[in-house]
Amino acid sequence: MKKTMLAVAGALMTLSLAGCIAVSDNSGPGSKVAENTELAVRVCGGEGNVAEVTREGYRCKAPAN
């Protein structure tokens, strides 16, 4: 039962953060972060599916079960 409640809490937290993209560098439209953001949105399937974008890359949100 605890595992189920933990999973539900995690899912609710993920939903509450939908659409948030963490960006560590905002040095203009030609920056590496801007390029990675565009790529992440395309690969992850939309802004709501992107968890994080940095100079080094991006991370998609885990798919909902």
Protein backbone atom coordinates (compact mmCIF):
# COMPACT_ATOMS: atom_id res chain seq x y z
CA MET A 1 0.00 0.00 0.00
CA LYS A 2 2.89 2.38 0.81
CA LYS A 3 4.40 1.80 -2.63
CA THR A 4 1.10 2.64 -4.29
CA MET A 5 0.73 5.86 -2.32
CA LEU A 6 4.33 6.81 -3.12
CA ALA A 7 3.70 6.18 -6.82
CA VAL A 8 0.53 8.28 -6.72
CA ALA A 9 2.35 11.11 -4.94
CA GLY A 10 5.13 10.98 -7.53
CA ALA A 11 2.63 11.06 -10.39
CA LEU A 12 0.82 14.05 -8.89
CA MET A 13 4.10 15.89 -8.43
CA THR A 14 5.07 15.17 -12.03
CA LEU A 15 1.72 16.45 -13.28
CA SER A 16 2.02 19.61 -11.21
CA LEU A 17 5.35 20.37 -12.88
CA ALA A 18 4.12 19.71 -16.43
CA GLY A 19 5.42 22.27 -18.86
CA CYS A 20 8.38 23.33 -16.73
CA ILE A 21 11.74 23.29 -18.41
CA ALA A 22 14.83 23.92 -16.32
CA VAL A 23 17.36 26.02 -18.21
CA SER A 24 20.80 26.73 -16.82
CA ASP A 25 21.93 29.17 -19.51
CA ASN A 26 19.93 31.88 -21.25
CA SER A 27 22.58 33.52 -23.40
CA GLY A 28 20.38 34.12 -26.41
CA PRO A 29 18.56 32.36 -29.22
CA GLY A 30 21.78 30.94 -30.75
CA SER A 31 23.00 29.36 -27.51
CA LYS A 32 23.59 25.66 -27.01
CA VAL A 33 20.74 25.55 -24.49
CA ALA A 34 18.34 27.07 -27.04
CA GLU A 35 19.41 24.46 -29.60
CA ASN A 36 18.99 21.64 -27.06
CA THR A 37 15.59 23.01 -26.05
CA GLU A 38 14.32 22.89 -29.64
CA LEU A 39 15.70 19.36 -30.03
CA ALA A 40 14.23 18.21 -26.71
CA VAL A 41 10.75 19.49 -27.60
CA ARG A 42 10.87 17.60 -30.91
CA VAL A 43 12.32 14.36 -29.52
CA CYS A 44 10.30 14.24 -26.28
CA GLY A 45 7.01 14.98 -28.05
CA GLY A 46 6.25 18.50 -26.79
CA GLU A 47 7.18 20.96 -24.04
CA GLY A 48 5.15 19.10 -21.44
CA ASN A 49 7.33 16.02 -21.87
CA VAL A 50 10.70 17.75 -21.32
CA ALA A 51 12.14 17.40 -17.81
CA GLU A 52 15.41 19.36 -18.13
CA VAL A 53 17.58 21.14 -20.68
CA THR A 54 21.24 22.07 -20.15
CA ARG A 55 24.26 22.94 -22.30
CA GLU A 56 25.20 19.26 -22.34
CA GLY A 57 21.82 17.92 -23.44
CA TYR A 58 18.27 17.31 -22.30
CA ARG A 59 16.15 14.79 -20.42
CA CYS A 60 12.60 13.73 -21.25
CA LYS A 61 10.07 13.00 -18.53
CA ALA A 62 9.39 9.34 -17.82
CA PRO A 63 6.28 8.04 -19.56
CA ALA A 64 3.18 7.70 -17.38
CA ASN A 65 2.13 4.12 -16.70
